[in-house]
Amino acid sequence: FSFSQAQKYVAGKKKESKSLESFWGLIMLAGSVSLDALSVGIGLGTLKAQIFVTVLVLGIVAGIMTATGFFLGRRLGGWLGEKAEIAGGLILAAVGVKLLF
């Protein structure tokens, strides 16, 4: 998680944003943001929650949140520019480091 966000920070500083243009960049991003879902899945599995309903609800909510963030990012991206990408990368990298300790 921290590695992918550090990569975004460096890309923002270099005025490059090519990390998401490749298939593997998207795979790395998807994996890093899904680590929390893995831990939630393990916890729900131990509670013997109904998998179909749980996955359906979590998937719908996660999809809505991702789409909302995507559209907000598109609108605010032009206004905030590269500063938002750098700040976002730093914040998410800090969260990743905090989760480690």
N, C-alpha and C. Protein backbone atom coordinates (compact mmCIF):
# COMPACT_ATOMS: atom_id res chain seq x y z
N PHE A 1 0.84 -1.18 0.00
CA PHE A 1 0.00 0.00 0.00
C PHE A 1 0.88 1.25 0.00
N SER A 2 1.80 1.29 0.94
CA SER A 2 2.69 2.45 1.03
C SER A 2 3.56 2.57 -0.21
N PHE A 3 4.02 1.42 -0.74
CA PHE A 3 4.87 1.44 -1.93
C PHE A 3 4.13 2.04 -3.12
N SER A 4 2.87 1.62 -3.34
CA SER A 4 2.14 2.14 -4.50
C SER A 4 1.86 3.63 -4.34
N GLN A 5 1.62 4.09 -3.10
CA GLN A 5 1.37 5.50 -2.89
C GLN A 5 2.66 6.31 -2.99
N ALA A 6 3.76 5.73 -2.56
CA ALA A 6 5.05 6.41 -2.74
C ALA A 6 5.35 6.55 -4.23
N GLN A 7 4.99 5.53 -5.00
CA GLN A 7 5.18 5.60 -6.45
C GLN A 7 4.33 6.73 -7.04
N LYS A 8 3.10 6.90 -6.55
CA LYS A 8 2.25 8.00 -7.03
C LYS A 8 2.84 9.35 -6.65
N TYR A 9 3.43 9.44 -5.44
CA TYR A 9 4.05 10.69 -5.02
C TYR A 9 5.20 11.05 -5.94
N VAL A 10 6.06 10.07 -6.22
CA VAL A 10 7.20 10.30 -7.11
C VAL A 10 6.72 10.68 -8.51
N ALA A 11 5.68 10.00 -8.99
CA ALA A 11 5.13 10.32 -10.32
C ALA A 11 4.59 11.73 -10.34
N GLY A 12 3.95 12.15 -9.25
CA GLY A 12 3.44 13.51 -9.17
C GLY A 12 4.55 14.54 -9.17
N LYS A 13 5.64 14.25 -8.46
CA LYS A 13 6.77 15.17 -8.44
C LYS A 13 7.45 15.27 -9.79
N LYS A 14 7.48 14.15 -10.54
CA LYS A 14 8.10 14.15 -11.86
C LYS A 14 7.14 14.61 -12.95
N LYS A 15 5.93 14.98 -12.54
CA LYS A 15 4.89 15.40 -13.46
C LYS A 15 4.53 14.29 -14.43
N GLU A 16 4.62 13.05 -13.95
CA GLU A 16 4.22 11.89 -14.73
C GLU A 16 3.06 11.23 -14.00
N SER A 17 2.13 10.71 -14.74
CA SER A 17 1.04 9.98 -14.13
C SER A 17 0.79 8.71 -14.91
N LYS A 18 1.86 8.01 -15.27
CA LYS A 18 1.75 6.84 -16.11
C LYS A 18 1.55 5.56 -15.32
N SER A 19 1.58 5.62 -13.99
CA SER A 19 1.47 4.40 -13.20
C SER A 19 0.11 3.73 -13.39
N LEU A 20 -0.93 4.49 -13.70
CA LEU A 20 -2.25 3.92 -13.88
C LEU A 20 -2.59 3.65 -15.34
N GLU A 21 -1.71 4.01 -16.25
CA GLU A 21 -2.00 3.78 -17.65
C GLU A 21 -1.69 2.36 -18.08
N SER A 22 -0.97 1.62 -17.28
CA SER A 22 -0.64 0.26 -17.65
C SER A 22 -1.52 -0.73 -16.89
N PHE A 23 -1.66 -1.90 -17.46
CA PHE A 23 -2.45 -2.95 -16.82
C PHE A 23 -1.88 -3.30 -15.46
N TRP A 24 -0.56 -3.44 -15.36
CA TRP A 24 0.06 -3.83 -14.09
C TRP A 24 -0.02 -2.71 -13.06
N GLY A 25 -0.03 -1.48 -13.51
CA GLY A 25 -0.24 -0.37 -12.58
C GLY A 25 -1.62 -0.43 -11.95
N LEU A 26 -2.61 -0.76 -12.77
CA LEU A 26 -3.97 -0.91 -12.24
C LEU A 26 -4.08 -2.11 -11.31
N ILE A 27 -3.39 -3.21 -11.65
CA ILE A 27 -3.40 -4.39 -10.79
C ILE A 27 -2.77 -4.06 -9.43
N MET A 28 -1.66 -3.32 -9.44
CA MET A 28 -1.01 -2.95 -8.19
C MET A 28 -1.91 -2.05 -7.35
N LEU A 29 -2.56 -1.10 -7.99
CA LEU A 29 -3.47 -0.21 -7.28
C LEU A 29 -4.64 -0.99 -6.69
N ALA A 30 -5.24 -1.86 -7.50
CA ALA A 30 -6.38 -2.65 -7.02
C ALA A 30 -5.98 -3.54 -5.86
N GLY A 31 -4.82 -4.15 -5.94
CA GLY A 31 -4.37 -5.00 -4.85
C GLY A 31 -4.10 -4.22 -3.57
N SER A 32 -3.50 -3.05 -3.72
CA SER A 32 -3.17 -2.27 -2.52
C SER A 32 -4.40 -1.72 -1.83
N VAL A 33 -5.41 -1.32 -2.59
CA VAL A 33 -6.62 -0.80 -1.94
C VAL A 33 -7.56 -1.91 -1.49
N SER A 34 -7.29 -3.15 -1.88
CA SER A 34 -8.14 -4.27 -1.48
C SER A 34 -7.59 -5.05 -0.29
N LEU A 35 -6.46 -4.65 0.24
CA LEU A 35 -5.91 -5.36 1.39
C LEU A 35 -6.83 -5.29 2.60
N ASP A 36 -7.47 -4.16 2.80
CA ASP A 36 -8.40 -4.06 3.92
C ASP A 36 -9.61 -4.97 3.71
N ALA A 37 -10.04 -5.13 2.46
CA ALA A 37 -11.16 -6.03 2.17
C ALA A 37 -10.78 -7.48 2.48
N LEU A 38 -9.53 -7.83 2.27
CA LEU A 38 -9.07 -9.18 2.61
C LEU A 38 -9.20 -9.43 4.11
N SER A 39 -8.76 -8.47 4.91
CA SER A 39 -8.85 -8.65 6.35
C SER A 39 -10.30 -8.67 6.83
N VAL A 40 -11.15 -7.86 6.22
CA VAL A 40 -12.58 -7.89 6.56
C VAL A 40 -13.18 -9.23 6.17
N GLY A 41 -12.80 -9.75 5.02
CA GLY A 41 -13.30 -11.06 4.58
C GLY A 41 -12.90 -12.17 5.53
N ILE A 42 -11.67 -12.13 6.01
CA ILE A 42 -11.22 -13.14 6.97
C ILE A 42 -12.04 -13.04 8.25
N GLY A 43 -12.24 -11.82 8.73
CA GLY A 43 -13.04 -11.63 9.95
C GLY A 43 -14.47 -12.10 9.78
N LEU A 44 -15.08 -11.76 8.65
CA LEU A 44 -16.47 -12.19 8.41
C LEU A 44 -16.55 -13.69 8.20
N GLY A 45 -15.50 -14.27 7.63
CA GLY A 45 -15.48 -15.72 7.45
C GLY A 45 -15.46 -16.45 8.78
N THR A 46 -14.72 -15.91 9.75
CA THR A 46 -14.69 -16.54 11.07
C THR A 46 -16.03 -16.41 11.78
N LEU A 47 -16.80 -15.38 11.43
CA LEU A 47 -18.14 -15.20 12.02
C LEU A 47 -19.21 -15.99 11.28
N LYS A 48 -18.79 -16.67 10.21
CA LYS A 48 -19.70 -17.47 9.39
C LYS A 48 -20.84 -16.63 8.80
N ALA A 49 -20.49 -15.44 8.33
CA ALA A 49 -21.47 -14.57 7.68
C ALA A 49 -21.87 -15.17 6.34
N GLN A 50 -23.07 -14.81 5.86
CA GLN A 50 -23.53 -15.29 4.56
C GLN A 50 -22.70 -14.62 3.47
N ILE A 51 -22.00 -15.43 2.72
CA ILE A 51 -21.02 -14.89 1.77
C ILE A 51 -21.69 -14.12 0.63
N PHE A 52 -22.76 -14.63 0.06
CA PHE A 52 -23.36 -13.99 -1.11
C PHE A 52 -23.88 -12.60 -0.78
N VAL A 53 -24.68 -12.49 0.27
CA VAL A 53 -25.26 -11.19 0.64
C VAL A 53 -24.15 -10.22 1.05
N THR A 54 -23.19 -10.70 1.82
CA THR A 54 -22.10 -9.85 2.28
C THR A 54 -21.28 -9.31 1.12
N VAL A 55 -20.89 -10.19 0.21
CA VAL A 55 -20.09 -9.77 -0.94
C VAL A 55 -20.89 -8.82 -1.83
N LEU A 56 -22.16 -9.09 -2.01
CA LEU A 56 -23.01 -8.23 -2.83
C LEU A 56 -23.09 -6.82 -2.25
N VAL A 57 -23.39 -6.72 -0.97
CA VAL A 57 -23.53 -5.40 -0.34
C VAL A 57 -22.19 -4.67 -0.32
N LEU A 58 -21.13 -5.35 0.10
CA LEU A 58 -19.82 -4.70 0.13
C LEU A 58 -19.37 -4.28 -1.26
N GLY A 59 -19.63 -5.10 -2.26
CA GLY A 59 -19.25 -4.76 -3.63
C GLY A 59 -19.99 -3.55 -4.16
N ILE A 60 -21.30 -3.50 -3.89
CA ILE A 60 -22.10 -2.35 -4.35
C ILE A 60 -21.63 -1.07 -3.69
N VAL A 61 -21.46 -1.11 -2.36
CA VAL A 61 -21.03 0.09 -1.64
C VAL A 61 -19.63 0.52 -2.09
N ALA A 62 -18.71 -0.44 -2.22
CA ALA A 62 -17.35 -0.11 -2.66
C ALA A 62 -17.36 0.46 -4.08
N GLY A 63 -18.19 -0.08 -4.95
CA GLY A 63 -18.29 0.43 -6.31
C GLY A 63 -18.82 1.85 -6.35
N ILE A 64 -19.84 2.12 -5.54
CA ILE A 64 -20.41 3.47 -5.48
C ILE A 64 -19.38 4.46 -4.94
N MET A 65 -18.67 4.07 -3.89
CA MET A 65 -17.66 4.96 -3.32
C MET A 65 -16.52 5.22 -4.31
N THR A 66 -16.10 4.18 -5.01
CA THR A 66 -15.03 4.33 -6.00
C THR A 66 -15.47 5.24 -7.13
N ALA A 67 -16.68 5.03 -7.64
CA ALA A 67 -17.19 5.87 -8.72
C ALA A 67 -17.35 7.32 -8.26
N THR A 68 -17.83 7.52 -7.04
CA THR A 68 -17.97 8.88 -6.51
C THR A 68 -16.61 9.56 -6.41
N GLY A 69 -15.63 8.84 -5.88
CA GLY A 69 -14.28 9.39 -5.80
C GLY A 69 -13.70 9.70 -7.17
N PHE A 70 -13.97 8.82 -8.12
CA PHE A 70 -13.49 9.01 -9.48
C PHE A 70 -14.05 10.29 -10.09
N PHE A 71 -15.36 10.48 -9.96
CA PHE A 71 -15.98 11.67 -10.54
C PHE A 71 -15.59 12.94 -9.80
N LEU A 72 -15.46 12.86 -8.48
CA LEU A 72 -14.98 14.03 -7.73
C LEU A 72 -13.55 14.36 -8.13
N GLY A 73 -12.74 13.33 -8.30
CA GLY A 73 -11.36 13.54 -8.73
C GLY A 73 -11.27 14.21 -10.09
N ARG A 74 -12.14 13.80 -10.98
CA ARG A 74 -12.15 14.43 -12.31
C ARG A 74 -12.52 15.90 -12.23
N ARG A 75 -13.53 16.21 -11.40
CA ARG A 75 -13.96 17.60 -11.28
C ARG A 75 -12.93 18.46 -10.55
N LEU A 76 -12.41 17.93 -9.45
CA LEU A 76 -11.48 18.70 -8.64
C LEU A 76 -10.05 18.65 -9.17
N GLY A 77 -9.74 17.66 -10.00
CA GLY A 77 -8.38 17.50 -10.51
C GLY A 77 -7.90 18.69 -11.31
N GLY A 78 -8.77 19.24 -12.14
CA GLY A 78 -8.39 20.41 -12.92
C GLY A 78 -8.19 21.64 -12.06
N TRP A 79 -8.95 21.70 -10.98
CA TRP A 79 -8.88 22.85 -10.08
C TRP A 79 -7.66 22.77 -9.17
N LEU A 80 -7.43 21.59 -8.59
CA LEU A 80 -6.32 21.41 -7.66
C LEU A 80 -5.03 21.00 -8.35
N GLY A 81 -5.17 20.33 -9.48
CA GLY A 81 -4.00 19.95 -10.26
C GLY A 81 -3.12 18.92 -9.58
N GLU A 82 -1.82 19.05 -9.83
CA GLU A 82 -0.84 18.08 -9.35
C GLU A 82 -0.70 18.09 -7.84
N LYS A 83 -1.05 19.19 -7.19
CA LYS A 83 -0.94 19.27 -5.74
C LYS A 83 -1.83 18.23 -5.07
N ALA A 84 -3.00 17.98 -5.65
CA ALA A 84 -3.91 16.99 -5.08
C ALA A 84 -3.33 15.59 -5.20
N GLU A 85 -2.69 15.28 -6.31
CA GLU A 85 -2.09 13.95 -6.49
C GLU A 85 -0.95 13.73 -5.51
N ILE A 86 -0.12 14.74 -5.33
CA ILE A 86 0.99 14.62 -4.39
C ILE A 86 0.48 14.50 -2.96
N ALA A 87 -0.48 15.35 -2.59
CA ALA A 87 -1.04 15.30 -1.24
C ALA A 87 -1.73 13.97 -0.98
N GLY A 88 -2.49 13.50 -1.94
CA GLY A 88 -3.17 12.21 -1.79
C GLY A 88 -2.19 11.07 -1.63
N GLY A 89 -1.13 11.08 -2.41
CA GLY A 89 -0.11 10.05 -2.29
C GLY A 89 0.57 10.07 -0.94
N LEU A 90 0.87 11.27 -0.43
CA LEU A 90 1.50 11.38 0.88
C LEU A 90 0.58 10.90 2.00
N ILE A 91 -0.69 11.28 1.92
CA ILE A 91 -1.65 10.87 2.95
C ILE A 91 -1.82 9.36 2.96
N LEU A 92 -2.00 8.77 1.79
CA LEU A 92 -2.20 7.32 1.74
C LEU A 92 -0.94 6.55 2.11
N ALA A 93 0.23 7.08 1.78
CA ALA A 93 1.47 6.43 2.20
C ALA A 93 1.60 6.48 3.72
N ALA A 94 1.22 7.61 4.32
CA ALA A 94 1.26 7.73 5.78
C ALA A 94 0.29 6.74 6.44
N VAL A 95 -0.89 6.58 5.85
CA VAL A 95 -1.85 5.60 6.37
C VAL A 95 -1.27 4.20 6.29
N GLY A 96 -0.62 3.88 5.19
CA GLY A 96 0.00 2.57 5.03
C GLY A 96 1.08 2.32 6.06
N VAL A 97 1.91 3.33 6.33
CA VAL A 97 2.96 3.20 7.34
C VAL A 97 2.33 3.05 8.73
N LYS A 98 1.28 3.82 9.00
CA LYS A 98 0.59 3.74 10.29
C LYS A 98 0.01 2.35 10.51
N LEU A 99 -0.53 1.75 9.46
CA LEU A 99 -1.09 0.40 9.58
C LEU A 99 -0.02 -0.64 9.89
N LEU A 100 1.20 -0.38 9.47
CA LEU A 100 2.30 -1.31 9.76
C LEU A 100 2.72 -1.26 11.23
N PHE A 101 2.57 -0.11 11.86
CA PHE A 101 3.04 0.05 13.25
C PHE A 101 1.91 0.36 14.12
